[in-house]
Amino acid sequence: MPKLFVTRREVFSASHRLYNPDLSDEENDRIYDKCNNPHGHGHNYTLEVTVRGDVNEQTGYVIDLKELKRIMREHVIKMVDHKYLNYDVDFMKGIIPTAENIAAAIWNQLYDKIPGGELYSVKIYETENNYAEFRGE
Protein backbone atom coordinates (compact mmCIF):
# COMPACT_ATOMS: atom_id res chain seq x y z
CA MET A 1 0.00 0.00 0.00
CA PRO A 2 1.35 3.49 -0.80
CA LYS A 3 2.33 5.88 1.97
CA LEU A 4 -0.30 8.31 3.19
CA PHE A 5 0.15 11.86 4.40
CA VAL A 6 -1.63 13.42 7.38
CA THR A 7 -1.38 17.13 8.22
CA ARG A 8 -2.21 19.05 11.40
CA ARG A 9 -2.49 22.85 11.45
CA GLU A 10 -1.86 25.10 14.46
CA VAL A 11 -1.66 28.88 14.70
CA PHE A 12 0.42 31.13 16.91
CA SER A 13 1.35 34.79 17.21
CA ALA A 14 4.95 35.87 17.61
CA SER A 15 7.26 38.77 16.91
CA HIS A 16 10.71 38.82 15.41
CA ARG A 17 13.38 41.00 13.89
CA LEU A 18 15.33 40.06 10.80
CA TYR A 19 18.87 41.21 11.49
CA ASN A 20 22.30 39.77 10.87
CA PRO A 21 24.86 41.09 13.39
CA ASP A 22 27.67 40.34 10.92
CA LEU A 23 26.30 42.98 8.52
CA SER A 24 26.27 46.74 8.81
CA ASP A 25 23.07 48.55 9.76
CA GLU A 26 22.85 49.80 6.16
CA GLU A 27 23.16 46.25 4.76
CA ASN A 28 20.53 44.97 7.20
CA ASP A 29 18.20 47.79 6.17
CA ARG A 30 18.76 47.06 2.49
CA ILE A 31 18.24 43.30 2.82
CA TYR A 32 15.47 43.12 5.42
CA ASP A 33 13.78 46.53 4.95
CA LYS A 34 10.84 46.98 7.36
CA CYS A 35 11.44 43.50 8.84
CA ASN A 36 14.63 44.96 10.35
CA ASN A 37 12.68 47.22 12.75
CA PRO A 38 14.83 47.40 15.93
CA HIS A 39 11.72 46.83 18.06
CA GLY A 40 10.57 43.88 15.97
CA HIS A 41 7.24 43.24 14.32
CA GLY A 42 4.66 40.49 14.63
CA HIS A 43 2.87 37.86 12.61
CA ASN A 44 0.00 35.49 13.08
CA TYR A 45 1.75 32.35 11.89
CA THR A 46 0.13 29.17 10.63
CA LEU A 47 2.12 25.98 11.16
CA GLU A 48 1.37 22.81 9.20
CA VAL A 49 3.08 19.57 10.15
CA THR A 50 2.74 16.59 7.81
CA VAL A 51 3.45 13.00 8.83
CA ARG A 52 3.97 10.23 6.26
CA GLY A 53 3.39 6.57 6.91
CA ASP A 54 1.37 3.44 6.58
CA VAL A 55 -2.14 3.12 7.90
CA ASN A 56 -2.26 1.10 11.10
CA GLU A 57 -4.73 -1.72 10.42
CA GLN A 58 -6.04 -1.67 14.00
CA THR A 59 -6.72 2.06 14.22
CA GLY A 60 -7.02 3.16 10.60
CA TYR A 61 -4.61 6.02 11.41
CA VAL A 62 -1.17 6.96 10.17
CA ILE A 63 -0.99 8.97 13.39
CA ASP A 64 -3.71 9.88 15.85
CA LEU A 65 -4.29 13.59 15.18
CA LYS A 66 -4.93 14.19 18.87
CA GLU A 67 -1.41 12.91 19.54
CA LEU A 68 0.07 15.06 16.77
CA LYS A 69 -1.76 18.06 18.21
CA ARG A 70 -0.32 17.33 21.66
CA ILE A 71 3.21 16.95 20.27
CA MET A 72 3.02 20.19 18.27
CA ARG A 73 1.64 22.14 21.20
CA GLU A 74 4.08 20.72 23.74
CA HIS A 75 7.26 20.99 21.66
CA VAL A 76 6.55 24.10 19.58
CA ILE A 77 3.41 26.16 20.18
CA LYS A 78 3.81 26.68 23.93
CA MET A 79 7.39 27.84 23.28
CA VAL A 80 6.63 30.32 20.48
CA ASP A 81 3.11 31.66 21.03
CA HIS A 82 3.17 35.34 22.04
CA LYS A 83 6.98 35.30 22.21
CA TYR A 84 9.75 37.35 20.63
CA LEU A 85 11.48 34.67 18.54
CA ASN A 86 14.90 36.35 18.65
CA TYR A 87 15.07 36.43 22.46
CA ASP A 88 12.42 34.26 24.12
CA VAL A 89 12.70 30.97 22.21
CA ASP A 90 15.66 28.75 23.07
CA PHE A 91 15.54 26.76 19.85
CA MET A 92 15.72 30.00 17.82
CA LYS A 93 18.70 31.54 19.67
CA GLY A 94 21.38 32.75 17.27
CA ILE A 95 19.22 32.07 14.20
CA ILE A 96 17.89 34.82 11.94
CA PRO A 97 14.13 34.12 12.29
CA THR A 98 13.15 34.09 8.62
CA ALA A 99 10.27 31.82 7.67
CA GLU A 100 12.84 29.45 6.18
CA ASN A 101 14.85 29.22 9.40
CA ILE A 102 11.73 28.95 11.57
CA ALA A 103 10.54 25.96 9.50
CA ALA A 104 13.93 24.23 9.84
CA ALA A 105 14.11 24.94 13.59
CA ILE A 106 10.61 23.55 14.15
CA TRP A 107 11.58 20.44 12.16
CA ASN A 108 14.48 19.95 14.56
CA GLN A 109 12.07 20.24 17.49
CA LEU A 110 9.75 17.56 16.09
CA TYR A 111 11.67 15.08 13.94
CA ASP A 112 12.33 12.56 16.72
CA LYS A 113 8.99 12.98 18.48
CA ILE A 114 6.62 11.42 15.94
CA PRO A 115 5.37 7.93 16.86
CA GLY A 116 4.21 5.58 14.12
CA GLY A 117 5.06 7.42 10.95
CA GLU A 118 7.75 9.87 10.01
CA LEU A 119 7.86 13.61 9.90
CA TYR A 120 7.49 14.57 6.24
CA SER A 121 7.28 18.35 6.22
CA VAL A 122 7.00 21.48 8.30
CA LYS A 123 5.31 24.41 6.60
CA ILE A 124 5.18 27.85 8.20
CA TYR A 125 2.95 30.57 6.82
CA GLU A 126 4.18 34.03 7.77
CA THR A 127 1.29 35.63 5.89
CA GLU A 128 -1.55 34.18 3.86
CA ASN A 129 0.61 34.72 0.75
CA ASN A 130 4.06 33.62 2.00
CA TYR A 131 5.26 30.36 3.46
CA ALA A 132 8.38 28.25 3.76
CA GLU A 133 8.46 24.46 3.79
CA PHE A 134 11.20 22.22 5.19
CA ARG A 135 11.38 18.51 4.48
CA GLY A 136 14.64 17.61 6.17
CA GLU A 137 16.19 16.41 2.93
C-alpha atoms as a PDB file:
ATOM      1  CA  MET A   1       0.000   0.000   0.000  1.00  0.00           C
ATOM      2  CA  PRO A   2       1.347   3.490  -0.801  1.00  0.00           C
ATOM      3  CA  LYS A   3       2.332   5.882   1.970  1.00  0.00           C
ATOM      4  CA  LEU A   4      -0.296   8.305   3.189  1.00  0.00           C
ATOM      5  CA  PHE A   5       0.154  11.861   4.399  1.00  0.00           C
ATOM      6  CA  VAL A   6      -1.627  13.421   7.376  1.00  0.00           C
ATOM      7  CA  THR A   7      -1.380  17.128   8.223  1.00  0.00           C
ATOM      8  CA  ARG A   8      -2.209  19.051  11.395  1.00  0.00           C
ATOM      9  CA  ARG A   9      -2.487  22.846  11.447  1.00  0.00           C
ATOM     10  CA  GLU A  10      -1.856  25.101  14.456  1.00  0.00           C
ATOM     11  CA  VAL A  11      -1.660  28.879  14.704  1.00  0.00           C
ATOM     12  CA  PHE A  12       0.417  31.135  16.910  1.00  0.00           C
ATOM     13  CA  SER A  13       1.348  34.785  17.212  1.00  0.00           C
ATOM     14  CA  ALA A  14       4.955  35.871  17.607  1.00  0.00           C
ATOM     15  CA  SER A  15       7.258  38.766  16.908  1.00  0.00           C
ATOM     16  CA  HIS A  16      10.713  38.819  15.410  1.00  0.00           C
ATOM     17  CA  ARG A  17      13.381  41.000  13.888  1.00  0.00           C
ATOM     18  CA  LEU A  18      15.333  40.057  10.801  1.00  0.00           C
ATOM     19  CA  TYR A  19      18.865  41.208  11.494  1.00  0.00           C
ATOM     20  CA  ASN A  20      22.302  39.774  10.867  1.00  0.00           C
ATOM     21  CA  PRO A  21      24.864  41.092  13.388  1.00  0.00           C
ATOM     22  CA  ASP A  22      27.668  40.337  10.921  1.00  0.00           C
ATOM     23  CA  LEU A  23      26.303  42.979   8.524  1.00  0.00           C
ATOM     24  CA  SER A  24      26.269  46.741   8.812  1.00  0.00           C
ATOM     25  CA  ASP A  25      23.068  48.554   9.759  1.00  0.00           C
ATOM     26  CA  GLU A  26      22.854  49.796   6.163  1.00  0.00           C
ATOM     27  CA  GLU A  27      23.163  46.253   4.762  1.00  0.00           C
ATOM     28  CA  ASN A  28      20.534  44.974   7.198  1.00  0.00           C
ATOM     29  CA  ASP A  29      18.195  47.794   6.165  1.00  0.00           C
ATOM     30  CA  ARG A  30      18.763  47.055   2.485  1.00  0.00           C
ATOM     31  CA  ILE A  31      18.238  43.301   2.821  1.00  0.00           C
ATOM     32  CA  TYR A  32      15.472  43.124   5.420  1.00  0.00           C
ATOM     33  CA  ASP A  33      13.783  46.532   4.947  1.00  0.00           C
ATOM     34  CA  LYS A  34      10.843  46.977   7.358  1.00  0.00           C
ATOM     35  CA  CYS A  35      11.442  43.503   8.839  1.00  0.00           C
ATOM     36  CA  ASN A  36      14.632  44.964  10.354  1.00  0.00           C
ATOM     37  CA  ASN A  37      12.680  47.216  12.752  1.00  0.00           C
ATOM     38  CA  PRO A  38      14.826  47.400  15.929  1.00  0.00           C
ATOM     39  CA  HIS A  39      11.724  46.833  18.058  1.00  0.00           C
ATOM     40  CA  GLY A  40      10.567  43.875  15.971  1.00  0.00           C
ATOM     41  CA  HIS A  41       7.236  43.242  14.324  1.00  0.00           C
ATOM     42  CA  GLY A  42       4.657  40.491  14.628  1.00  0.00           C
ATOM     43  CA  HIS A  43       2.871  37.865  12.608  1.00  0.00           C
ATOM     44  CA  ASN A  44       0.002  35.485  13.085  1.00  0.00           C
ATOM     45  CA  TYR A  45       1.752  32.347  11.885  1.00  0.00           C
ATOM     46  CA  THR A  46       0.131  29.168  10.631  1.00  0.00           C
ATOM     47  CA  LEU A  47       2.120  25.983  11.157  1.00  0.00           C
ATOM     48  CA  GLU A  48       1.371  22.809   9.200  1.00  0.00           C
ATOM     49  CA  VAL A  49       3.082  19.566  10.145  1.00  0.00           C
ATOM     50  CA  THR A  50       2.744  16.592   7.810  1.00  0.00           C
ATOM     51  CA  VAL A  51       3.449  12.997   8.828  1.00  0.00           C
ATOM     52  CA  ARG A  52       3.971  10.233   6.257  1.00  0.00           C
ATOM     53  CA  GLY A  53       3.389   6.575   6.912  1.00  0.00           C
ATOM     54  CA  ASP A  54       1.369   3.437   6.576  1.00  0.00           C
ATOM     55  CA  VAL A  55      -2.145   3.125   7.895  1.00  0.00           C
ATOM     56  CA  ASN A  56      -2.265   1.099  11.095  1.00  0.00           C
ATOM     57  CA  GLU A  57      -4.732  -1.722  10.418  1.00  0.00           C
ATOM     58  CA  GLN A  58      -6.036  -1.672  14.003  1.00  0.00           C
ATOM     59  CA  THR A  59      -6.716   2.058  14.224  1.00  0.00           C
ATOM     60  CA  GLY A  60      -7.023   3.165  10.602  1.00  0.00           C
ATOM     61  CA  TYR A  61      -4.615   6.019  11.406  1.00  0.00           C
ATOM     62  CA  VAL A  62      -1.166   6.957  10.166  1.00  0.00           C
ATOM     63  CA  ILE A  63      -0.994   8.967  13.391  1.00  0.00           C
ATOM     64  CA  ASP A  64      -3.707   9.883  15.850  1.00  0.00           C
ATOM     65  CA  LEU A  65      -4.285  13.593  15.180  1.00  0.00           C
ATOM     66  CA  LYS A  66      -4.931  14.186  18.874  1.00  0.00           C
ATOM     67  CA  GLU A  67      -1.414  12.909  19.542  1.00  0.00           C
ATOM     68  CA  LEU A  68       0.072  15.056  16.767  1.00  0.00           C
ATOM     69  CA  LYS A  69      -1.758  18.063  18.215  1.00  0.00           C
ATOM     70  CA  ARG A  70      -0.321  17.333  21.659  1.00  0.00           C
ATOM     71  CA  ILE A  71       3.214  16.951  20.268  1.00  0.00           C
ATOM     72  CA  MET A  72       3.016  20.188  18.274  1.00  0.00           C
ATOM     73  CA  ARG A  73       1.637  22.141  21.204  1.00  0.00           C
ATOM     74  CA  GLU A  74       4.084  20.715  23.744  1.00  0.00           C
ATOM     75  CA  HIS A  75       7.259  20.993  21.656  1.00  0.00           C
ATOM     76  CA  VAL A  76       6.550  24.103  19.575  1.00  0.00           C
ATOM     77  CA  ILE A  77       3.411  26.160  20.182  1.00  0.00           C
ATOM     78  CA  LYS A  78       3.810  26.681  23.928  1.00  0.00           C
ATOM     79  CA  MET A  79       7.386  27.843  23.283  1.00  0.00           C
ATOM     80  CA  VAL A  80       6.630  30.324  20.483  1.00  0.00           C
ATOM     81  CA  ASP A  81       3.114  31.655  21.029  1.00  0.00           C
ATOM     82  CA  HIS A  82       3.172  35.337  22.037  1.00  0.00           C
ATOM     83  CA  LYS A  83       6.983  35.299  22.209  1.00  0.00           C
ATOM     84  CA  TYR A  84       9.751  37.349  20.628  1.00  0.00           C
ATOM     85  CA  LEU A  85      11.476  34.669  18.544  1.00  0.00           C
ATOM     86  CA  ASN A  86      14.904  36.345  18.654  1.00  0.00           C
ATOM     87  CA  TYR A  87      15.071  36.431  22.464  1.00  0.00           C
ATOM     88  CA  ASP A  88      12.416  34.263  24.116  1.00  0.00           C
ATOM     89  CA  VAL A  89      12.697  30.973  22.208  1.00  0.00           C
ATOM     90  CA  ASP A  90      15.659  28.755  23.069  1.00  0.00           C
ATOM     91  CA  PHE A  91      15.540  26.761  19.850  1.00  0.00           C
ATOM     92  CA  MET A  92      15.720  30.004  17.822  1.00  0.00           C
ATOM     93  CA  LYS A  93      18.697  31.544  19.673  1.00  0.00           C
ATOM     94  CA  GLY A  94      21.380  32.753  17.269  1.00  0.00           C
ATOM     95  CA  ILE A  95      19.217  32.070  14.198  1.00  0.00           C
ATOM     96  CA  ILE A  96      17.886  34.824  11.939  1.00  0.00           C
ATOM     97  CA  PRO A  97      14.134  34.118  12.288  1.00  0.00           C
ATOM     98  CA  THR A  98      13.153  34.093   8.616  1.00  0.00           C
ATOM     99  CA  ALA A  99      10.265  31.816   7.668  1.00  0.00           C
ATOM    100  CA  GLU A 100      12.839  29.448   6.179  1.00  0.00           C
ATOM    101  CA  ASN A 101      14.851  29.220   9.396  1.00  0.00           C
ATOM    102  CA  ILE A 102      11.733  28.950  11.566  1.00  0.00           C
ATOM    103  CA  ALA A 103      10.538  25.964   9.502  1.00  0.00           C
ATOM    104  CA  ALA A 104      13.929  24.225   9.841  1.00  0.00           C
ATOM    105  CA  ALA A 105      14.112  24.937  13.589  1.00  0.00           C
ATOM    106  CA  ILE A 106      10.606  23.551  14.146  1.00  0.00           C
ATOM    107  CA  TRP A 107      11.577  20.439  12.159  1.00  0.00           C
ATOM    108  CA  ASN A 108      14.481  19.948  14.564  1.00  0.00           C
ATOM    109  CA  GLN A 109      12.070  20.243  17.486  1.00  0.00           C
ATOM    110  CA  LEU A 110       9.751  17.563  16.093  1.00  0.00           C
ATOM    111  CA  TYR A 111      11.666  15.079  13.939  1.00  0.00           C
ATOM    112  CA  ASP A 112      12.330  12.557  16.717  1.00  0.00           C
ATOM    113  CA  LYS A 113       8.992  12.982  18.484  1.00  0.00           C
ATOM    114  CA  ILE A 114       6.622  11.423  15.939  1.00  0.00           C
ATOM    115  CA  PRO A 115       5.366   7.930  16.857  1.00  0.00           C
ATOM    116  CA  GLY A 116       4.214   5.581  14.119  1.00  0.00           C
ATOM    117  CA  GLY A 117       5.058   7.421  10.949  1.00  0.00           C
ATOM    118  CA  GLU A 118       7.754   9.867  10.011  1.00  0.00           C
ATOM    119  CA  LEU A 119       7.861  13.614   9.899  1.00  0.00           C
ATOM    120  CA  TYR A 120       7.490  14.565   6.236  1.00  0.00           C
ATOM    121  CA  SER A 121       7.281  18.352   6.223  1.00  0.00           C
ATOM    122  CA  VAL A 122       6.998  21.482   8.299  1.00  0.00           C
ATOM    123  CA  LYS A 123       5.311  24.406   6.596  1.00  0.00           C
ATOM    124  CA  ILE A 124       5.184  27.849   8.198  1.00  0.00           C
ATOM    125  CA  TYR A 125       2.954  30.573   6.818  1.00  0.00           C
ATOM    126  CA  GLU A 126       4.183  34.031   7.770  1.00  0.00           C
ATOM    127  CA  THR A 127       1.288  35.631   5.892  1.00  0.00           C
ATOM    128  CA  GLU A 128      -1.548  34.184   3.858  1.00  0.00           C
ATOM    129  CA  ASN A 129       0.611  34.717   0.755  1.00  0.00           C
ATOM    130  CA  ASN A 130       4.060  33.619   1.995  1.00  0.00           C
ATOM    131  CA  TYR A 131       5.264  30.361   3.460  1.00  0.00           C
ATOM    132  CA  ALA A 132       8.379  28.245   3.761  1.00  0.00           C
ATOM    133  CA  GLU A 133       8.462  24.458   3.792  1.00  0.00           C
ATOM    134  CA  PHE A 134      11.197  22.224   5.195  1.00  0.00           C
ATOM    135  CA  ARG A 135      11.381  18.507   4.480  1.00  0.00           C
ATOM    136  CA  GLY A 136      14.645  17.608   6.172  1.00  0.00           C
ATOM    137  CA  GLU A 137      16.194  16.407   2.931  1.00  0.00           C
END
